Protein backbone atom coordinates (compact mmCIF):
# COMPACT_ATOMS: atom_id res chain seq x y z
CA MET A 1 -39.22 -72.91 55.54
CA VAL A 2 -41.47 -75.86 56.40
CA MET A 3 -40.60 -75.43 60.08
CA LEU A 4 -41.56 -71.75 59.93
CA ILE A 5 -44.91 -72.61 58.33
CA LEU A 6 -45.56 -75.25 61.01
CA TYR A 7 -44.52 -72.80 63.74
CA ASN A 8 -47.00 -70.19 62.48
CA PHE A 9 -49.74 -72.78 62.06
CA PHE A 10 -49.38 -74.09 65.62
CA LEU A 11 -49.06 -70.56 66.98
CA LEU A 12 -52.38 -69.61 65.40
CA ILE A 13 -54.01 -72.81 66.69
CA SER A 14 -52.77 -72.17 70.23
CA ILE A 15 -54.02 -68.57 70.14
CA GLY A 16 -57.40 -69.79 68.91
CA ILE A 17 -57.64 -72.40 71.66
CA SER A 18 -56.57 -70.05 74.46
CA LEU A 19 -58.65 -67.03 73.40
CA PRO A 20 -61.94 -68.18 74.99
CA PHE A 21 -60.16 -68.80 78.31
CA ILE A 22 -58.49 -65.41 78.20
CA TRP A 23 -61.74 -63.72 77.21
CA ARG A 24 -63.47 -65.10 80.34
CA LYS A 25 -60.77 -63.54 82.54
CA ILE A 26 -61.35 -60.05 81.17
CA LYS A 27 -62.80 -57.63 83.67
CA PRO A 28 -65.21 -55.16 82.03
CA ASP A 29 -63.62 -52.15 83.74
CA ARG A 30 -60.07 -53.02 82.73
CA GLU A 31 -58.17 -52.45 79.51
CA PHE A 32 -57.20 -55.94 78.40
CA PRO A 33 -54.88 -57.09 77.26
CA TYR A 34 -52.74 -54.11 78.08
CA GLY A 35 -50.85 -52.93 75.00
CA LEU A 36 -52.68 -55.21 72.55
CA LYS A 37 -52.43 -52.69 69.69
CA GLU A 38 -48.65 -52.49 70.04
CA ARG A 39 -48.44 -56.28 70.30
CA LEU A 40 -50.19 -56.33 66.91
CA ALA A 41 -47.74 -53.68 65.56
CA ILE A 42 -50.46 -51.03 65.43
CA TYR A 43 -48.72 -47.89 66.62
CA GLU A 44 -49.94 -44.38 67.35
CA ARG A 45 -49.33 -41.72 64.70
CA GLU A 46 -46.76 -39.92 66.88
CA THR A 47 -44.82 -43.16 67.34
CA LEU A 48 -44.89 -43.91 63.61
CA GLU A 49 -43.66 -40.43 62.73
CA LYS A 50 -40.74 -40.71 65.15
CA LEU A 51 -39.85 -44.22 63.96
CA GLN A 52 -39.91 -43.34 60.27
CA ARG A 53 -37.63 -40.27 60.53
CA LYS A 54 -34.49 -42.37 60.39
CA LYS A 55 -33.15 -45.85 60.94
CA ASN A 56 -33.51 -47.20 64.46
CA ILE A 57 -31.62 -49.49 66.78
CA TRP A 58 -34.18 -51.99 68.05
CA ILE A 59 -33.30 -53.50 71.42
CA HIS A 60 -35.54 -56.28 72.73
CA THR A 61 -35.53 -57.04 76.44
CA VAL A 62 -38.11 -59.31 78.01
CA SER A 63 -38.43 -57.66 81.39
CA ILE A 64 -36.95 -55.30 83.93
CA GLY A 65 -33.96 -57.52 84.72
CA GLU A 66 -32.71 -57.63 81.15
CA PHE A 67 -33.37 -53.91 80.75
CA LEU A 68 -31.38 -53.01 83.86
CA SER A 69 -28.49 -55.18 82.69
CA ILE A 70 -28.10 -53.16 79.47
CA THR A 71 -28.67 -49.68 80.88
CA PRO A 72 -24.94 -48.81 80.49
CA LEU A 73 -25.09 -49.90 76.83
CA ILE A 74 -28.14 -47.74 76.20
CA LYS A 75 -26.45 -44.72 77.80
CA ARG A 76 -23.38 -45.25 75.61
CA LEU A 77 -25.45 -45.70 72.45
CA LYS A 78 -27.23 -42.43 73.17
CA GLU A 79 -23.84 -40.68 73.43
CA VAL A 80 -22.27 -42.00 70.22
CA ASN A 81 -25.21 -42.82 67.98
CA LYS A 82 -27.38 -40.61 65.78
CA ASN A 83 -30.11 -43.21 65.30
CA ASN A 84 -33.22 -43.50 67.41
CA ILE A 85 -33.27 -46.28 69.97
CA VAL A 86 -36.41 -48.38 70.31
CA ILE A 87 -36.73 -50.79 73.21
CA THR A 88 -39.38 -53.51 73.25
CA PHE A 89 -40.63 -55.38 76.29
CA ALA A 90 -42.84 -58.34 77.09
CA THR A 91 -43.82 -56.92 80.50
CA LYS A 92 -45.54 -53.74 81.69
CA THR A 93 -43.13 -53.30 84.58
CA GLY A 94 -40.02 -53.34 82.41
CA ARG A 95 -41.56 -50.85 80.03
CA ARG A 96 -42.63 -48.47 82.80
CA VAL A 97 -39.18 -48.49 84.40
CA ALA A 98 -37.54 -47.83 81.01
CA GLU A 99 -39.91 -44.96 80.21
CA LYS A 100 -39.00 -43.30 83.51
CA LYS A 101 -35.25 -43.88 83.10
CA PHE A 102 -35.10 -42.86 79.41
CA PRO A 103 -38.09 -40.62 78.60
CA ASP A 104 -36.58 -39.71 75.21
CA ILE A 105 -36.38 -43.34 74.03
CA ARG A 106 -39.37 -45.01 72.39
CA CYS A 107 -40.52 -47.97 74.53
CA LEU A 108 -43.01 -50.42 73.04
CA PHE A 109 -44.42 -53.85 73.70
CA PHE A 110 -42.79 -56.64 71.73
CA PRO A 111 -45.04 -57.59 68.81
CA MET A 112 -46.53 -61.06 68.57
CA ASP A 113 -44.31 -63.36 66.56
CA LEU A 114 -47.01 -64.05 63.97
CA TYR A 115 -45.55 -63.58 60.50
CA PRO A 116 -47.79 -60.70 59.29
CA VAL A 117 -47.55 -58.92 62.66
CA MET A 118 -43.77 -59.19 62.86
CA ASP A 119 -43.41 -58.18 59.20
CA ARG A 120 -45.45 -55.03 59.88
CA ALA A 121 -43.49 -54.32 63.09
CA ILE A 122 -40.13 -54.56 61.35
CA PHE A 123 -41.37 -52.35 58.52
CA ARG A 124 -42.66 -49.72 60.96
CA ILE A 125 -39.82 -49.83 63.48
CA ASN A 126 -37.38 -49.57 60.57
CA PRO A 127 -34.36 -51.06 62.36
CA GLU A 128 -30.81 -50.77 61.14
CA ILE A 129 -29.89 -53.48 63.65
CA ILE A 130 -31.81 -55.65 66.12
CA VAL A 131 -30.28 -56.39 69.51
CA ILE A 132 -31.82 -59.25 71.50
CA VAL A 133 -30.94 -59.40 75.19
CA GLU A 134 -30.62 -62.93 76.59
CA THR A 135 -31.87 -65.83 74.49
CA GLU A 136 -35.43 -64.93 73.65
CA LEU A 137 -35.30 -65.95 70.01
CA TRP A 138 -38.40 -65.58 67.84
CA PRO A 139 -38.47 -67.48 64.53
CA ASN A 140 -40.45 -64.93 62.52
CA LEU A 141 -38.39 -62.01 63.81
CA LEU A 142 -35.16 -63.78 62.85
CA HIS A 143 -36.50 -64.94 59.47
CA ILE A 144 -37.81 -61.53 58.42
CA ALA A 145 -34.68 -59.74 59.64
CA SER A 146 -32.55 -62.17 57.64
CA LYS A 147 -34.73 -61.72 54.57
CA ARG A 148 -34.37 -57.93 54.81
CA LYS A 149 -30.64 -58.20 55.58
CA ILE A 150 -31.00 -56.58 59.01
CA PRO A 151 -28.23 -57.74 61.35
CA VAL A 152 -29.35 -59.37 64.60
CA VAL A 153 -27.08 -59.36 67.65
CA LEU A 154 -27.59 -61.56 70.71
CA LEU A 155 -26.38 -60.08 74.00
CA ASN A 156 -26.05 -62.63 76.74
CA GLY A 157 -24.07 -62.09 79.92
């Protein structure tokens, strides 16, 4: 628990230090950072309604490569599963490709691994299981999932 507290403390410090540098890079005519609301687990009403209808399978892939590697799994899950599938991404490109390939699946940006943000994301996504592709392990995600007794599966080829 001490390590988790330290992790969150240093994460907040690093965000605070980097924010002024990021802010200077913002172009006034551009939406920045892209997907910030989703990264803070603030979802549109339509998304929330779809997520809350039933339990979901939450699949986290970092980028397009990981997504493409699990496309056969996603197709199979759609065939045999009654739950919604939610896929989260760290990159815009991965998300865009997934939205084109599976327009009926909810694609979101992966929420920041700050404790209150991840807690809200897990509550709203309402996962029955979390599938992490490759070894992108996030302490708050794993801690909250464990606390709520949500199984987490690591897929690594």
